[in-house]
PDB file of N, CA and C in Angstrom:
ATOM      1  N   MET A   1      19.041   5.200  -4.858  1.00  0.00           N
ATOM      2  CA  MET A   1      17.661   4.221  -5.773  1.00  0.00           C
ATOM      3  C   MET A   1      16.178   4.050  -5.275  1.00  0.00           C
ATOM      4  N   THR A   2      15.175   4.405  -5.889  1.00  0.00           N
ATOM      5  CA  THR A   2      14.437   4.506  -6.186  1.00  0.00           C
ATOM      6  C   THR A   2      13.902   3.788  -6.947  1.00  0.00           C
ATOM      7  N   ARG A   3      13.093   2.671  -6.922  1.00  0.00           N
ATOM      8  CA  ARG A   3      11.551   2.255  -7.825  1.00  0.00           C
ATOM      9  C   ARG A   3      10.860   2.580  -7.528  1.00  0.00           C
ATOM     10  N   ASP A   4       9.850   2.734  -9.100  1.00  0.00           N
ATOM     11  CA  ASP A   4       8.975   3.260  -8.851  1.00  0.00           C
ATOM     12  C   ASP A   4       7.806   2.004  -8.958  1.00  0.00           C
ATOM     13  N   HIS A   5       6.858   1.669  -8.187  1.00  0.00           N
ATOM     14  CA  HIS A   5       5.993   0.428  -8.040  1.00  0.00           C
ATOM     15  C   HIS A   5       4.684   0.752  -8.750  1.00  0.00           C
ATOM     16  N   ASP A   6       4.694   0.714  -9.854  1.00  0.00           N
ATOM     17  CA  ASP A   6       3.305   0.844 -10.999  1.00  0.00           C
ATOM     18  C   ASP A   6       2.918  -0.434 -10.865  1.00  0.00           C
ATOM     19  N   VAL A   7       1.598   0.103 -10.344  1.00  0.00           N
ATOM     20  CA  VAL A   7       0.664  -1.137 -10.149  1.00  0.00           C
ATOM     21  C   VAL A   7      -1.538  -0.431 -10.622  1.00  0.00           C
ATOM     22  N   GLY A   8      -0.721   0.621 -11.372  1.00  0.00           N
ATOM     23  CA  GLY A   8      -2.289   0.254 -11.997  1.00  0.00           C
ATOM     24  C   GLY A   8      -2.558  -0.382 -13.099  1.00  0.00           C
ATOM     25  N   GLN A   9      -1.198  -1.149 -13.612  1.00  0.00           N
ATOM     26  CA  GLN A   9      -2.121  -2.459 -14.901  1.00  0.00           C
ATOM     27  C   GLN A   9      -3.236  -3.379 -13.964  1.00  0.00           C
ATOM     28  N   LEU A  10      -2.662  -3.757 -13.079  1.00  0.00           N
ATOM     29  CA  LEU A  10      -3.351  -4.686 -12.567  1.00  0.00           C
ATOM     30  C   LEU A  10      -4.765  -4.415 -11.522  1.00  0.00           C
ATOM     31  N   THR A  11      -5.742  -6.017 -11.409  1.00  0.00           N
ATOM     32  CA  THR A  11      -7.176  -5.318 -12.009  1.00  0.00           C
ATOM     33  C   THR A  11      -6.763  -5.541 -10.207  1.00  0.00           C
ATOM     34  N   THR A  12      -8.423  -4.991  -9.665  1.00  0.00           N
ATOM     35  CA  THR A  12      -8.439  -4.639  -7.693  1.00  0.00           C
ATOM     36  C   THR A  12      -8.259  -6.064  -7.905  1.00  0.00           C
ATOM     37  N   SER A  13      -8.843  -7.147  -7.957  1.00  0.00           N
ATOM     38  CA  SER A  13      -8.752  -8.344  -6.930  1.00  0.00           C
ATOM     39  C   SER A  13      -6.795  -8.635  -7.497  1.00  0.00           C
ATOM     40  N   GLU A  14      -7.099  -8.043  -8.154  1.00  0.00           N
ATOM     41  CA  GLU A  14      -4.884  -8.870  -8.091  1.00  0.00           C
ATOM     42  C   GLU A  14      -4.063  -7.300  -7.069  1.00  0.00           C
ATOM     43  N   LEU A  15      -4.471  -6.483  -6.669  1.00  0.00           N
ATOM     44  CA  LEU A  15      -3.817  -5.856  -6.054  1.00  0.00           C
ATOM     45  C   LEU A  15      -4.206  -6.102  -4.418  1.00  0.00           C
ATOM     46  N   GLU A  16      -6.051  -6.429  -3.940  1.00  0.00           N
ATOM     47  CA  GLU A  16      -5.714  -6.898  -2.981  1.00  0.00           C
ATOM     48  C   GLU A  16      -5.541  -8.086  -2.659  1.00  0.00           C
ATOM     49  N   ARG A  17      -4.547  -9.188  -3.490  1.00  0.00           N
ATOM     50  CA  ARG A  17      -4.638  -9.962  -3.350  1.00  0.00           C
ATOM     51  C   ARG A  17      -2.492 -10.247  -3.164  1.00  0.00           C
ATOM     52  N   THR A  18      -2.511  -8.802  -4.085  1.00  0.00           N
ATOM     53  CA  THR A  18      -0.810  -9.010  -3.685  1.00  0.00           C
ATOM     54  C   THR A  18      -1.119  -8.357  -2.110  1.00  0.00           C
ATOM     55  N   MET A  19      -1.633  -8.003  -1.388  1.00  0.00           N
ATOM     56  CA  MET A  19      -1.584  -7.129  -0.605  1.00  0.00           C
ATOM     57  C   MET A  19      -1.402  -7.655   0.532  1.00  0.00           C
ATOM     58  N   ARG A  20      -2.646  -8.860   0.402  1.00  0.00           N
ATOM     59  CA  ARG A  20      -2.456  -9.809   1.706  1.00  0.00           C
ATOM     60  C   ARG A  20      -1.279 -10.837   1.660  1.00  0.00           C
ATOM     61  N   ASP A  21      -0.877 -10.373   0.284  1.00  0.00           N
ATOM     62  CA  ASP A  21       0.505 -11.392   0.411  1.00  0.00           C
ATOM     63  C   ASP A  21       1.475 -10.422   0.885  1.00  0.00           C
ATOM     64  N   LEU A  22       1.746  -9.045   0.620  1.00  0.00           N
ATOM     65  CA  LEU A  22       2.316  -8.469   1.362  1.00  0.00           C
ATOM     66  C   LEU A  22       2.715  -8.499   2.643  1.00  0.00           C
ATOM     67  N   ARG A  23       1.009  -8.535   3.420  1.00  0.00           N
ATOM     68  CA  ARG A  23       1.106  -8.263   4.495  1.00  0.00           C
ATOM     69  C   ARG A  23       1.487  -9.641   5.431  1.00  0.00           C
ATOM     70  N   ALA A  24       1.440 -10.983   4.479  1.00  0.00           N
ATOM     71  CA  ALA A  24       1.964 -12.210   4.911  1.00  0.00           C
ATOM     72  C   ALA A  24       3.504 -11.878   4.966  1.00  0.00           C
ATOM     73  N   ASN A  25       4.438 -11.721   4.195  1.00  0.00           N
ATOM     74  CA  ASN A  25       5.094 -11.578   3.706  1.00  0.00           C
ATOM     75  C   ASN A  25       5.666 -10.825   5.114  1.00  0.00           C
ATOM     76  N   LEU A  26       5.403  -9.857   5.867  1.00  0.00           N
ATOM     77  CA  LEU A  26       5.586  -8.511   6.526  1.00  0.00           C
ATOM     78  C   LEU A  26       6.087  -9.603   8.092  1.00  0.00           C
ATOM     79  N   GLY A  27       4.761 -10.791   7.946  1.00  0.00           N
ATOM     80  CA  GLY A  27       4.660 -11.065   9.468  1.00  0.00           C
ATOM     81  C   GLY A  27       5.977 -12.177   9.665  1.00  0.00           C
ATOM     82  N   LEU A  28       6.325 -12.704   8.042  1.00  0.00           N
ATOM     83  CA  LEU A  28       7.475 -13.435   8.193  1.00  0.00           C
ATOM     84  C   LEU A  28       8.713 -13.085   8.619  1.00  0.00           C
ATOM     85  N   ILE A  29       9.533 -11.642   8.276  1.00  0.00           N
ATOM     86  CA  ILE A  29      10.381 -11.148   7.984  1.00  0.00           C
ATOM     87  C   ILE A  29      10.927 -10.892  10.095  1.00  0.00           C
ATOM     88  N   SER A  30      12.144 -10.491   9.678  1.00  0.00           N
ATOM     89  CA  SER A  30      11.959 -10.136  11.334  1.00  0.00           C
ATOM     90  C   SER A  30      11.943  -8.317  11.320  1.00  0.00           C
ATOM     91  N   PRO A  31      11.848  -7.795  12.624  1.00  0.00           N
ATOM     92  CA  PRO A  31      11.079  -6.459  12.123  1.00  0.00           C
ATOM     93  C   PRO A  31      12.320  -5.508  11.904  1.00  0.00           C
ATOM     94  N   ASP A  32      13.985  -5.544  12.038  1.00  0.00           N
ATOM     95  CA  ASP A  32      14.359  -4.622  11.715  1.00  0.00           C
ATOM     96  C   ASP A  32      15.379  -5.174  10.787  1.00  0.00           C
ATOM     97  N   SER A  33      14.554  -6.029   9.301  1.00  0.00           N
ATOM     98  CA  SER A  33      15.003  -6.631   8.368  1.00  0.00           C
ATOM     99  C   SER A  33      14.804  -5.222   7.672  1.00  0.00           C
ATOM    100  N   PRO A  34      15.640  -5.291   6.048  1.00  0.00           N
ATOM    101  CA  PRO A  34      15.659  -3.813   5.784  1.00  0.00           C
ATOM    102  C   PRO A  34      14.756  -4.330   4.654  1.00  0.00           C
ATOM    103  N   ALA A  35      14.068  -5.381   4.119  1.00  0.00           N
ATOM    104  CA  ALA A  35      12.868  -6.050   3.550  1.00  0.00           C
ATOM    105  C   ALA A  35      11.599  -4.899   3.916  1.00  0.00           C
ATOM    106  N   HIS A  36      11.866  -4.731   4.324  1.00  0.00           N
ATOM    107  CA  HIS A  36       9.954  -3.691   5.500  1.00  0.00           C
ATOM    108  C   HIS A  36      10.520  -2.553   4.424  1.00  0.00           C
ATOM    109  N   VAL A  37      11.099  -1.867   3.733  1.00  0.00           N
ATOM    110  CA  VAL A  37      11.299  -0.510   2.713  1.00  0.00           C
ATOM    111  C   VAL A  37      10.451  -1.002   1.298  1.00  0.00           C
ATOM    112  N   PRO A  38      11.186  -2.069   1.061  1.00  0.00           N
ATOM    113  CA  PRO A  38      10.332  -1.782  -0.463  1.00  0.00           C
ATOM    114  C   PRO A  38       9.533  -2.564  -0.189  1.00  0.00           C
ATOM    115  N   ILE A  39       8.394  -3.265   0.638  1.00  0.00           N
ATOM    116  CA  ILE A  39       7.786  -3.960   1.078  1.00  0.00           C
ATOM    117  C   ILE A  39       6.686  -2.752   1.304  1.00  0.00           C
ATOM    118  N   LEU A  40       6.409  -2.214   2.221  1.00  0.00           N
ATOM    119  CA  LEU A  40       5.962  -0.781   2.601  1.00  0.00           C
ATOM    120  C   LEU A  40       5.735   0.263   1.480  1.00  0.00           C
ATOM    121  N   ALA A  41       6.929   0.425   0.304  1.00  0.00           N
ATOM    122  CA  ALA A  41       6.687   1.162  -0.356  1.00  0.00           C
ATOM    123  C   ALA A  41       6.099   0.748  -1.805  1.00  0.00           C
ATOM    124  N   HIS A  42       5.621  -0.660  -1.697  1.00  0.00           N
ATOM    125  CA  HIS A  42       4.766  -1.914  -2.639  1.00  0.00           C
ATOM    126  C   HIS A  42       3.039  -1.251  -1.857  1.00  0.00           C
ATOM    127  N   MET A  43       3.143  -1.745  -1.258  1.00  0.00           N
ATOM    128  CA  MET A  43       2.067  -1.676   0.355  1.00  0.00           C
ATOM    129  C   MET A  43       1.408   0.192  -0.447  1.00  0.00           C
ATOM    130  N   GLN A  44       2.516   0.995  -0.043  1.00  0.00           N
ATOM    131  CA  GLN A  44       1.869   2.276   0.152  1.00  0.00           C
ATOM    132  C   GLN A  44       0.890   2.873  -1.500  1.00  0.00           C
ATOM    133  N   ALA A  45       2.060   2.163  -2.074  1.00  0.00           N
ATOM    134  CA  ALA A  45       1.470   2.198  -3.950  1.00  0.00           C
ATOM    135  C   ALA A  45       0.131   1.587  -4.191  1.00  0.00           C
ATOM    136  N   ILE A  46       0.068   0.564  -4.298  1.00  0.00           N
ATOM    137  CA  ILE A  46      -1.614  -0.413  -4.016  1.00  0.00           C
ATOM    138  C   ILE A  46      -2.094   0.241  -2.930  1.00  0.00           C
ATOM    139  N   ASP A  47      -2.432   0.659  -2.198  1.00  0.00           N
ATOM    140  CA  ASP A  47      -2.795   2.167  -1.450  1.00  0.00           C
ATOM    141  C   ASP A  47      -3.464   2.939  -2.203  1.00  0.00           C
ATOM    142  N   ALA A  48      -2.586   3.320  -2.730  1.00  0.00           N
ATOM    143  CA  ALA A  48      -3.020   4.908  -3.402  1.00  0.00           C
ATOM    144  C   ALA A  48      -3.746   4.234  -4.550  1.00  0.00           C
ATOM    145  N   GLU A  49      -3.400   3.176  -5.174  1.00  0.00           N
ATOM    146  CA  GLU A  49      -4.089   2.941  -6.820  1.00  0.00           C
ATOM    147  C   GLU A  49      -5.499   3.085  -6.231  1.00  0.00           C
ATOM    148  N   LEU A  50      -5.604   1.922  -5.674  1.00  0.00           N
ATOM    149  CA  LEU A  50      -7.093   1.729  -5.006  1.00  0.00           C
ATOM    150  C   LEU A  50      -7.833   2.583  -3.948  1.00  0.00           C
ATOM    151  N   ALA A  51      -6.842   3.846  -3.907  1.00  0.00           N
ATOM    152  CA  ALA A  51      -7.556   5.123  -2.951  1.00  0.00           C
ATOM    153  C   ALA A  51      -8.309   5.773  -4.392  1.00  0.00           C
ATOM    154  N   GLY A  52      -7.914   5.993  -5.168  1.00  0.00           N
ATOM    155  CA  GLY A  52      -8.101   6.557  -6.667  1.00  0.00           C
ATOM    156  C   GLY A  52      -9.174   5.651  -7.072  1.00  0.00           C
ATOM    157  N   ARG A  53      -9.105   4.186  -7.963  1.00  0.00           N
ATOM    158  CA  ARG A  53      -9.618   3.749  -7.729  1.00  0.00           C
ATOM    159  C   ARG A  53     -11.083   4.305  -6.961  1.00  0.00           C
ATOM    160  N   ALA A  54     -11.906   3.995  -5.711  1.00  0.00           N
ATOM    161  CA  ALA A  54     -12.390   4.214  -5.570  1.00  0.00           C
ATOM    162  C   ALA A  54     -12.900   5.794  -5.977  1.00  0.00           C
ATOM    163  N   GLY A  55     -11.913   6.584  -5.905  1.00  0.00           N
ATOM    164  CA  GLY A  55     -12.962   8.183  -6.388  1.00  0.00           C
ATOM    165  C   GLY A  55     -12.748   8.264  -6.661  1.00  0.00           C
ATOM    166  N   ASN A  56     -13.157   7.065  -8.785  1.00  0.00           N
ATOM    167  CA  ASN A  56     -13.257   7.574  -9.951  1.00  0.00           C
ATOM    168  C   ASN A  56     -14.668   6.423  -8.992  1.00  0.00           C
ATOM    169  N   GLN A  57     -15.415   5.915  -8.258  1.00  0.00           N
ATOM    170  CA  GLN A  57     -16.345   4.809  -8.304  1.00  0.00           C
ATOM    171  C   GLN A  57     -18.292   6.051  -8.374  1.00  0.00           C
ATOM    172  N   GLN A  58     -19.296   6.038  -8.685  1.00  0.00           N
ATOM    173  CA  GLN A  58     -20.192   6.612  -8.026  1.00  0.00           C
ATOM    174  C   GLN A  58     -20.121   5.902  -6.160  1.00  0.00           C
ATOM    175  N   PRO A  59     -20.914   6.928  -5.021  1.00  0.00           N
ATOM    176  CA  PRO A  59     -20.721   6.475  -4.676  1.00  0.00           C
ATOM    177  C   PRO A  59     -21.617   5.545  -3.880  1.00  0.00           C
ATOM    178  N   HIS A  60     -22.755   4.510  -4.794  1.00  0.00           N
ATOM    179  CA  HIS A  60     -23.085   3.773  -4.833  1.00  0.00           C
ATOM    180  C   HIS A  60     -22.076   2.143  -4.831  1.00  0.00           C
ATOM    181  N   GLU A  61     -21.595   2.093  -6.301  1.00  0.00           N
ATOM    182  CA  GLU A  61     -20.181   0.882  -6.429  1.00  0.00           C
ATOM    183  C   GLU A  61     -19.007   0.886  -4.984  1.00  0.00           C
ATOM    184  N   SER A  62     -18.786   2.234  -4.151  1.00  0.00           N
ATOM    185  CA  SER A  62     -17.928   1.799  -3.876  1.00  0.00           C
ATOM    186  C   SER A  62     -17.590   0.401  -2.566  1.00  0.00           C
ATOM    187  N   GLN A  63     -16.733   0.191  -2.088  1.00  0.00           N
ATOM    188  CA  GLN A  63     -16.357  -1.500  -1.842  1.00  0.00           C
ATOM    189  C   GLN A  63     -15.493  -1.026  -0.895  1.00  0.00           C
ATOM    190  N   PRO A  64     -15.283  -1.498   0.210  1.00  0.00           N
ATOM    191  CA  PRO A  64     -14.394  -1.418   0.847  1.00  0.00           C
ATOM    192  C   PRO A  64     -13.020  -2.791   0.782  1.00  0.00           C
ATOM    193  N   HIS A  65     -11.694  -2.211   0.577  1.00  0.00           N
ATOM    194  CA  HIS A  65     -10.959  -3.775   0.229  1.00  0.00           C
ATOM    195  C   HIS A  65      -9.867  -3.585   1.756  1.00  0.00           C
ATOM    196  N   ASP A  66      -9.765  -4.768   2.154  1.00  0.00           N
ATOM    197  CA  ASP A  66      -9.192  -4.983   3.308  1.00  0.00           C
ATOM    198  C   ASP A  66      -8.098  -4.357   3.870  1.00  0.00           C
ATOM    199  N   SER A  67      -7.300  -3.466   2.824  1.00  0.00           N
ATOM    200  CA  SER A  67      -6.439  -1.990   3.284  1.00  0.00           C
ATOM    201  C   SER A  67      -7.516  -1.317   4.271  1.00  0.00           C
ATOM    202  N   GLU A  68      -8.560  -1.320   3.692  1.00  0.00           N
ATOM    203  CA  GLU A  68      -9.738   0.332   5.016  1.00  0.00           C
ATOM    204  C   GLU A  68      -9.551  -0.960   5.916  1.00  0.00           C
ATOM    205  N   ILE A  69      -9.438  -1.768   6.381  1.00  0.00           N
ATOM    206  CA  ILE A  69     -10.098  -2.475   7.117  1.00  0.00           C
ATOM    207  C   ILE A  69      -8.304  -3.012   8.129  1.00  0.00           C
ATOM    208  N   LEU A  70      -7.379  -2.071   7.945  1.00  0.00           N
ATOM    209  CA  LEU A  70      -6.217  -2.234   8.724  1.00  0.00           C
ATOM    210  C   LEU A  70      -6.244  -1.473   9.131  1.00  0.00           C
ATOM    211  N   PRO A  71      -4.769  -1.226   9.868  1.00  0.00           N
ATOM    212  CA  PRO A  71      -3.805  -0.055   9.932  1.00  0.00           C
ATOM    213  C   PRO A  71      -2.833  -0.015   8.783  1.00  0.00           C
ATOM    214  N   GLY A  72      -2.744   1.069   8.848  1.00  0.00           N
ATOM    215  CA  GLY A  72      -1.542   0.880   7.085  1.00  0.00           C
ATOM    216  C   GLY A  72      -0.104   1.078   8.290  1.00  0.00           C
ATOM    217  N   PRO A  73       0.579   0.979   7.664  1.00  0.00           N
ATOM    218  CA  PRO A  73       1.910   1.220   8.151  1.00  0.00           C
ATOM    219  C   PRO A  73       2.757   2.328   8.813  1.00  0.00           C
ATOM    220  N   SER A  74       3.047   2.180   9.640  1.00  0.00           N
ATOM    221  CA  SER A  74       3.871   3.444  10.078  1.00  0.00           C
ATOM    222  C   SER A  74       4.546   5.000   9.288  1.00  0.00           C
ATOM    223  N   PRO A  75       4.497   5.704   9.389  1.00  0.00           N
ATOM    224  CA  PRO A  75       5.285   6.994   8.444  1.00  0.00           C
ATOM    225  C   PRO A  75       6.477   6.803   8.844  1.00  0.00           C
ATOM    226  N   ALA A  76       6.422   6.033   9.936  1.00  0.00           N
ATOM    227  CA  ALA A  76       8.550   5.899  10.540  1.00  0.00           C
ATOM    228  C   ALA A  76       8.582   4.910   9.814  1.00  0.00           C
ATOM    229  N   ALA A  77       8.183   4.036   9.641  1.00  0.00           N
ATOM    230  CA  ALA A  77       8.834   2.775   8.924  1.00  0.00           C
ATOM    231  C   ALA A  77       9.307   3.133   7.790  1.00  0.00           C
ATOM    232  N   LEU A  78       8.085   4.216   6.281  1.00  0.00           N
ATOM    233  CA  LEU A  78       7.662   4.133   4.766  1.00  0.00           C
ATOM    234  C   LEU A  78       9.757   4.841   4.449  1.00  0.00           C
ATOM    235  N   PRO A  79      10.230   4.581   3.700  1.00  0.00           N
ATOM    236  CA  PRO A  79      11.018   5.498   2.889  1.00  0.00           C
ATOM    237  C   PRO A  79      10.551   6.954   2.809  1.00  0.00           C
ATOM    238  N   SER A  80      11.069   7.529   2.935  1.00  0.00           N
ATOM    239  CA  SER A  80      11.343   9.329   2.793  1.00  0.00           C
ATOM    240  C   SER A  80      10.320   9.881   2.055  1.00  0.00           C
ATOM    241  N   ASP A  81      10.641   9.555   0.861  1.00  0.00           N
ATOM    242  CA  ASP A  81      10.853   9.874  -0.792  1.00  0.00           C
ATOM    243  C   ASP A  81       9.018   9.135  -1.354  1.00  0.00           C
ATOM    244  N   VAL A  82       8.327   8.372  -0.089  1.00  0.00           N
ATOM    245  CA  VAL A  82       7.257   7.345  -0.031  1.00  0.00           C
ATOM    246  C   VAL A  82       6.264   8.588   0.442  1.00  0.00           C
ATOM    247  N   HIS A  83       6.679   9.102   1.867  1.00  0.00           N
ATOM    248  CA  HIS A  83       5.519   9.811   2.647  1.00  0.00           C
ATOM    249  C   HIS A  83       5.736  11.275   2.600  1.00  0.00           C
ATOM    250  N   ARG A  84       6.603  11.880   1.769  1.00  0.00           N
ATOM    251  CA  ARG A  84       7.038  13.316   2.212  1.00  0.00           C
ATOM    252  C   ARG A  84       6.154  14.278   1.562  1.00  0.00           C
ATOM    253  N   ASP A  85       4.646  13.677   1.154  1.00  0.00           N
ATOM    254  CA  ASP A  85       3.529  14.690   0.552  1.00  0.00           C
ATOM    255  C   ASP A  85       2.514  15.019   1.847  1.00  0.00           C
ATOM    256  N   LYS A  86       2.874  14.133   2.993  1.00  0.00           N
ATOM    257  CA  LYS A  86       1.998  13.695   4.216  1.00  0.00           C
ATOM    258  C   LYS A  86       2.740  15.257   4.925  1.00  0.00           C
ATOM    259  N   GLU A  87       1.028  15.983   5.632  1.00  0.00           N
ATOM    260  CA  GLU A  87       1.348  16.337   6.182  1.00  0.00           C
ATOM    261  C   GLU A  87       1.671  16.165   7.888  1.00  0.00           C
ATOM    262  N   THR A  88       3.271  16.645   7.958  1.00  0.00           N
ATOM    263  CA  THR A  88       3.638  16.367   9.620  1.00  0.00           C
ATOM    264  C   THR A  88       3.355  16.895  11.373  1.00  0.00           C
ATOM    265  N   PRO A  89       2.424  15.856  11.748  1.00  0.00           N
ATOM    266  CA  PRO A  89       1.277  16.217  13.265  1.00  0.00           C
ATOM    267  C   PRO A  89       3.161  17.555  14.121  1.00  0.00           C
TER     268      PRO A  89
END
């Protein structure tokens, strides 16, 4: 069962705070934990929402957020339905 992560109703600051919280959660769980899948899917939804919002701004309004500074999750760690639209090398 796939669950959509609708983050569009959150403010940008709420999205950024949630992203930081999710990163902290990833740091607290074991590497083989199945909890990685929903956390990474939620992080991807937040990244997509923030990218969409950045695309709607004028160039002088664009401000980087913390997810642009840190590397994203490995595509291998994401559920297959989350990264299906990305090209594979």
